Structures are given as structure tokens and as C-alpha cells.
């Protein structure tokens, strides 16, 4: 290499994306909206913990109802279940691995 030019830095590996919990994401959105509505009105305010609890209960109820009443969501869930492998049902015969034919 000629002087004055540094070697290119090795490409950094992208960090693994954290697992996404759809219930948590939905509960977060519900909490934000509930909090905004509660604090926009006059009167006594519930504790934030109660709003968080309600948000998670509503998110879980929505997810359950979505699969019950939304045909497209139910079809996606069924397709995903069919495409996945249940490793608990796999049987491996280790006794025959070392045997010569």
C-alpha cells in the first residue's frame, strides 16, 4: 500500500436484533394511548402500574381475539405451525449409527 492510505477497517458484524414480542409492542402502544387519554381528562388518575396491567391484559385479549375472529391471522398462524418442526416428536436411533452395513 502507498503511504497515506490506511487499510480498510474490517466490516463490523451487525448486532443481532433483539427478539420482538408482539404482545409487549401492542401493550406499549395501548399504554401510551391510555396514558394520554387519562392525563388529558380531569379527575383522579389511576396508578401507572394499573395502566400497564390493563395495557397488557388488553393486548393479550386482542391477540387471542385476533386469532379467533380474523381469518387472515388464523391462516397465517396455521401456516406457520405447519411449517415448523416439533423436535419433541423426532426419534433418533443412536444404536444403529455405529453399525456397518
N, C-alpha and C. Protein backbone atom coordinates (compact mmCIF):
# COMPACT_ATOMS: atom_id res chain seq x y z
N UNK A 1 0.85 -1.18 0.00
CA UNK A 1 0.00 0.00 0.00
C UNK A 1 0.88 1.23 0.00
N UNK A 2 0.42 2.27 -0.60
CA UNK A 2 1.19 3.51 -0.60
C UNK A 2 0.98 4.24 0.71
N UNK A 3 1.96 5.07 1.01
CA UNK A 3 1.86 5.82 2.27
C UNK A 3 0.70 6.80 2.20
N UNK A 4 0.08 7.02 3.36
CA UNK A 4 -1.02 7.96 3.42
C UNK A 4 -2.38 7.31 3.29
N UNK A 5 -2.40 6.04 2.88
CA UNK A 5 -3.66 5.32 2.76
C UNK A 5 -3.70 4.22 3.80
N UNK A 6 -4.68 4.26 4.63
CA UNK A 6 -4.83 3.23 5.66
C UNK A 6 -5.61 2.05 5.08
N UNK A 7 -5.32 0.90 5.61
CA UNK A 7 -6.05 -0.29 5.19
C UNK A 7 -7.51 -0.14 5.60
N UNK A 8 -8.43 -0.62 4.79
CA UNK A 8 -9.84 -0.51 5.17
C UNK A 8 -10.11 -1.31 6.43
N UNK A 9 -10.93 -0.73 7.27
CA UNK A 9 -11.29 -1.40 8.52
C UNK A 9 -12.17 -2.61 8.19
N UNK A 10 -12.00 -3.69 8.94
CA UNK A 10 -12.87 -4.85 8.69
C UNK A 10 -14.33 -4.47 8.94
N UNK A 11 -15.18 -5.04 8.14
CA UNK A 11 -16.61 -4.73 8.28
C UNK A 11 -17.12 -5.24 9.62
N UNK A 12 -17.81 -4.38 10.32
CA UNK A 12 -18.38 -4.77 11.61
C UNK A 12 -19.58 -5.66 11.38
N UNK A 13 -19.66 -6.71 12.16
CA UNK A 13 -20.82 -7.60 12.05
C UNK A 13 -22.02 -6.92 12.68
N UNK A 14 -23.15 -6.94 12.00
CA UNK A 14 -24.33 -6.31 12.59
C UNK A 14 -24.75 -7.06 13.85
N UNK A 15 -25.16 -6.30 14.83
CA UNK A 15 -25.62 -6.90 16.08
C UNK A 15 -26.95 -7.62 15.83
N UNK A 16 -27.11 -8.72 16.51
CA UNK A 16 -28.37 -9.47 16.38
C UNK A 16 -29.51 -8.63 16.90
N UNK A 17 -30.57 -8.60 16.15
CA UNK A 17 -31.74 -7.83 16.57
C UNK A 17 -32.40 -8.53 17.76
N UNK A 18 -32.81 -7.77 18.75
CA UNK A 18 -33.49 -8.41 19.88
C UNK A 18 -34.81 -9.02 19.44
N UNK A 19 -35.19 -10.06 20.13
CA UNK A 19 -36.46 -10.71 19.81
C UNK A 19 -37.60 -9.73 20.02
N UNK A 20 -38.55 -9.77 19.13
CA UNK A 20 -39.69 -8.86 19.20
C UNK A 20 -40.87 -9.62 19.80
N UNK A 21 -41.42 -9.06 20.85
CA UNK A 21 -42.59 -9.64 21.49
C UNK A 21 -43.80 -8.83 21.04
N UNK A 22 -44.67 -9.40 20.20
CA UNK A 22 -45.80 -8.63 19.68
C UNK A 22 -46.76 -8.16 20.77
N UNK A 23 -46.90 -8.94 21.84
CA UNK A 23 -47.79 -8.53 22.93
C UNK A 23 -47.20 -7.30 23.63
N UNK A 24 -45.89 -7.32 23.86
CA UNK A 24 -45.25 -6.17 24.51
C UNK A 24 -45.36 -4.93 23.63
N UNK A 25 -45.15 -5.08 22.34
CA UNK A 25 -45.26 -3.93 21.43
C UNK A 25 -46.67 -3.36 21.44
N UNK A 26 -47.67 -4.24 21.36
CA UNK A 26 -49.05 -3.77 21.38
C UNK A 26 -49.40 -3.15 22.72
N UNK A 27 -48.96 -3.77 23.81
CA UNK A 27 -49.22 -3.22 25.15
C UNK A 27 -48.60 -1.84 25.30
N UNK A 28 -47.41 -1.65 24.73
CA UNK A 28 -46.75 -0.34 24.79
C UNK A 28 -47.60 0.72 24.10
N UNK A 29 -48.13 0.38 22.92
CA UNK A 29 -48.97 1.33 22.19
C UNK A 29 -50.26 1.62 22.96
N UNK A 30 -50.86 0.58 23.52
CA UNK A 30 -52.08 0.76 24.30
C UNK A 30 -51.80 1.64 25.52
N UNK A 31 -50.69 1.38 26.21
CA UNK A 31 -50.32 2.16 27.40
C UNK A 31 -50.14 3.63 27.05
N UNK A 32 -49.46 3.91 25.96
CA UNK A 32 -49.24 5.30 25.55
C UNK A 32 -50.57 6.00 25.31
N UNK A 33 -51.47 5.33 24.60
CA UNK A 33 -52.77 5.93 24.30
C UNK A 33 -53.61 6.08 25.57
N UNK A 34 -53.62 5.03 26.40
CA UNK A 34 -54.38 5.12 27.66
C UNK A 34 -53.86 6.26 28.53
N UNK A 35 -52.55 6.34 28.67
CA UNK A 35 -51.95 7.39 29.50
C UNK A 35 -52.31 8.77 28.98
N UNK A 36 -52.24 8.91 27.66
CA UNK A 36 -52.59 10.20 27.07
C UNK A 36 -54.04 10.56 27.35
N UNK A 37 -54.93 9.59 27.22
CA UNK A 37 -56.35 9.84 27.47
C UNK A 37 -56.61 10.13 28.94
N UNK A 38 -55.98 9.38 29.82
CA UNK A 38 -56.19 9.56 31.26
C UNK A 38 -55.70 10.92 31.70
N UNK A 39 -54.52 11.30 31.24
CA UNK A 39 -53.95 12.57 31.70
C UNK A 39 -54.54 13.77 30.98
N UNK A 40 -55.32 13.54 29.93
CA UNK A 40 -55.98 14.64 29.23
C UNK A 40 -57.33 14.98 29.86
N UNK A 41 -57.80 14.13 30.75
CA UNK A 41 -59.08 14.37 31.39
C UNK A 41 -58.89 14.78 32.84
N UNK A 42 -59.86 15.48 33.34
CA UNK A 42 -59.80 15.91 34.74
C UNK A 42 -60.21 14.75 35.64
N UNK A 43 -59.83 14.85 36.87
CA UNK A 43 -60.25 13.84 37.84
C UNK A 43 -59.07 13.03 38.37
N UNK A 44 -59.43 12.06 39.19
CA UNK A 44 -58.41 11.22 39.82
C UNK A 44 -57.75 10.32 38.78
N UNK A 45 -56.45 10.16 38.91
CA UNK A 45 -55.68 9.36 37.96
C UNK A 45 -55.29 8.03 38.59
N UNK A 46 -55.44 6.93 37.83
CA UNK A 46 -55.01 5.63 38.36
C UNK A 46 -53.47 5.56 38.39
N UNK A 47 -52.96 4.65 39.18
CA UNK A 47 -51.51 4.46 39.25
C UNK A 47 -51.02 3.95 37.89
N UNK A 48 -49.79 4.32 37.55
CA UNK A 48 -49.22 3.89 36.27
C UNK A 48 -49.16 2.37 36.16
N UNK A 49 -48.91 1.70 37.28
CA UNK A 49 -48.87 0.23 37.27
C UNK A 49 -50.21 -0.36 36.83
N UNK A 50 -51.30 0.27 37.24
CA UNK A 50 -52.62 -0.21 36.83
C UNK A 50 -52.83 -0.03 35.32
N UNK A 51 -52.32 1.07 34.78
CA UNK A 51 -52.42 1.29 33.34
C UNK A 51 -51.58 0.28 32.57
N UNK A 52 -50.40 -0.05 33.11
CA UNK A 52 -49.55 -1.06 32.48
C UNK A 52 -50.25 -2.42 32.50
N UNK A 53 -50.81 -2.78 33.66
CA UNK A 53 -51.52 -4.06 33.77
C UNK A 53 -52.68 -4.11 32.78
N UNK A 54 -53.47 -3.06 32.72
CA UNK A 54 -54.60 -3.01 31.79
C UNK A 54 -54.12 -3.10 30.35
N UNK A 55 -53.02 -2.44 30.04
CA UNK A 55 -52.48 -2.46 28.69
C UNK A 55 -52.11 -3.88 28.27
N UNK A 56 -51.45 -4.62 29.16
CA UNK A 56 -51.07 -6.00 28.83
C UNK A 56 -52.29 -6.90 28.72
N UNK A 57 -53.26 -6.70 29.60
CA UNK A 57 -54.48 -7.52 29.53
C UNK A 57 -55.22 -7.27 28.21
N UNK A 58 -55.30 -6.01 27.81
CA UNK A 58 -55.97 -5.68 26.56
C UNK A 58 -55.19 -6.22 25.35
N UNK A 59 -53.87 -6.12 25.39
CA UNK A 59 -53.05 -6.64 24.29
C UNK A 59 -53.20 -8.15 24.16
N UNK A 60 -53.18 -8.86 25.29
CA UNK A 60 -53.35 -10.31 25.26
C UNK A 60 -54.74 -10.70 24.76
N UNK A 61 -55.76 -9.96 25.21
CA UNK A 61 -57.13 -10.24 24.76
C UNK A 61 -57.26 -9.99 23.26
N UNK A 62 -56.63 -8.93 22.79
CA UNK A 62 -56.69 -8.64 21.36
C UNK A 62 -56.01 -9.74 20.56
N UNK A 63 -54.84 -10.19 20.99
CA UNK A 63 -54.12 -11.24 20.27
C UNK A 63 -54.95 -12.51 20.21
N UNK A 64 -55.59 -12.86 21.30
CA UNK A 64 -56.44 -14.05 21.34
C UNK A 64 -57.65 -13.88 20.43
N UNK A 65 -58.31 -12.74 20.52
CA UNK A 65 -59.48 -12.46 19.68
C UNK A 65 -59.11 -12.33 18.22
N UNK A 66 -57.94 -11.81 17.94
CA UNK A 66 -57.49 -11.68 16.56
C UNK A 66 -57.42 -13.05 15.89
N UNK A 67 -56.89 -14.04 16.60
CA UNK A 67 -56.82 -15.39 16.04
C UNK A 67 -58.20 -16.05 15.96
N UNK A 68 -59.09 -15.63 16.83
CA UNK A 68 -60.42 -16.23 16.85
C UNK A 68 -61.31 -15.65 15.73
N UNK A 69 -61.21 -14.35 15.49
CA UNK A 69 -62.14 -13.69 14.58
C UNK A 69 -61.52 -13.25 13.25
N UNK A 70 -60.20 -13.13 13.16
CA UNK A 70 -59.54 -12.65 11.95
C UNK A 70 -59.06 -13.85 11.14
N UNK A 71 -59.74 -14.11 10.04
CA UNK A 71 -59.44 -15.28 9.21
C UNK A 71 -58.00 -15.25 8.70
N UNK A 72 -57.54 -14.10 8.24
CA UNK A 72 -56.18 -14.00 7.69
C UNK A 72 -55.14 -14.29 8.77
N UNK A 73 -55.34 -13.76 9.96
CA UNK A 73 -54.40 -14.02 11.06
C UNK A 73 -54.39 -15.49 11.44
N UNK A 74 -55.56 -16.10 11.44
CA UNK A 74 -55.67 -17.53 11.76
C UNK A 74 -54.95 -18.37 10.70
N UNK A 75 -55.11 -18.01 9.43
CA UNK A 75 -54.44 -18.74 8.35
C UNK A 75 -52.93 -18.60 8.44
N UNK A 76 -52.45 -17.40 8.77
CA UNK A 76 -51.00 -17.21 8.93
C UNK A 76 -50.47 -18.06 10.07
N UNK A 77 -51.19 -18.10 11.19
CA UNK A 77 -50.76 -18.88 12.34
C UNK A 77 -50.75 -20.37 12.02
N UNK A 78 -51.74 -20.83 11.28
CA UNK A 78 -51.80 -22.25 10.89
C UNK A 78 -50.68 -22.60 9.93
N UNK A 79 -50.38 -21.72 8.98
CA UNK A 79 -49.30 -21.96 8.03
C UNK A 79 -47.95 -22.00 8.76
N UNK A 80 -47.78 -21.11 9.71
CA UNK A 80 -46.53 -21.08 10.49
C UNK A 80 -46.40 -22.36 11.30
N UNK A 81 -47.49 -22.83 11.89
CA UNK A 81 -47.45 -24.06 12.68
C UNK A 81 -47.12 -25.26 11.81
N UNK A 82 -47.65 -25.30 10.60
CA UNK A 82 -47.37 -26.41 9.69
C UNK A 82 -45.93 -26.39 9.22
N UNK A 83 -45.37 -25.19 9.07
CA UNK A 83 -44.01 -25.05 8.57
C UNK A 83 -42.96 -25.33 9.64
N UNK A 84 -43.34 -25.29 10.89
CA UNK A 84 -42.36 -25.51 11.96
C UNK A 84 -42.24 -27.00 12.26
N UNK A 85 -41.10 -27.36 12.83
CA UNK A 85 -40.83 -28.75 13.18
C UNK A 85 -40.90 -28.90 14.69
N UNK A 86 -41.64 -29.87 15.14
CA UNK A 86 -41.73 -30.16 16.58
C UNK A 86 -40.63 -31.16 16.91
N UNK A 87 -39.51 -30.67 17.46
CA UNK A 87 -38.37 -31.53 17.72
C UNK A 87 -38.66 -32.56 18.80
N UNK A 88 -39.68 -32.37 19.58
CA UNK A 88 -40.01 -33.36 20.61
C UNK A 88 -40.56 -34.64 20.00
N UNK A 89 -40.98 -34.59 18.73
CA UNK A 89 -41.54 -35.77 18.07
C UNK A 89 -40.52 -36.49 17.20
N UNK A 90 -39.29 -35.98 17.15
CA UNK A 90 -38.25 -36.61 16.34
C UNK A 90 -37.64 -37.76 17.14
N UNK A 91 -37.55 -38.93 16.49
CA UNK A 91 -36.94 -40.10 17.12
C UNK A 91 -35.66 -40.44 16.39
N UNK A 92 -34.57 -40.54 17.14
CA UNK A 92 -33.28 -40.88 16.56
C UNK A 92 -32.83 -42.20 17.16
N UNK A 93 -32.48 -43.14 16.30
CA UNK A 93 -31.99 -44.45 16.76
C UNK A 93 -30.47 -44.40 16.80
N UNK A 94 -29.92 -44.05 17.95
CA UNK A 94 -28.48 -43.95 18.10
C UNK A 94 -27.81 -45.33 18.07
N UNK A 95 -28.54 -46.38 18.31
CA UNK A 95 -27.98 -47.72 18.32
C UNK A 95 -27.51 -48.16 16.95
N UNK A 96 -28.15 -47.69 15.90
CA UNK A 96 -27.79 -48.13 14.56
C UNK A 96 -26.76 -47.24 13.90
N UNK A 97 -26.33 -46.19 14.54
CA UNK A 97 -25.38 -45.26 13.92
C UNK A 97 -24.03 -45.92 13.68
N UNK A 98 -23.50 -46.67 14.63
CA UNK A 98 -22.18 -47.26 14.50
C UNK A 98 -22.14 -48.59 13.79
N UNK A 99 -23.27 -49.13 13.41
CA UNK A 99 -23.31 -50.45 12.77
C UNK A 99 -22.88 -50.37 11.31
N UNK A 100 -22.08 -51.36 10.89
CA UNK A 100 -21.65 -51.44 9.50
C UNK A 100 -22.70 -52.18 8.70
N UNK A 101 -22.81 -51.81 7.46
CA UNK A 101 -23.79 -52.46 6.57
C UNK A 101 -23.15 -53.55 5.78
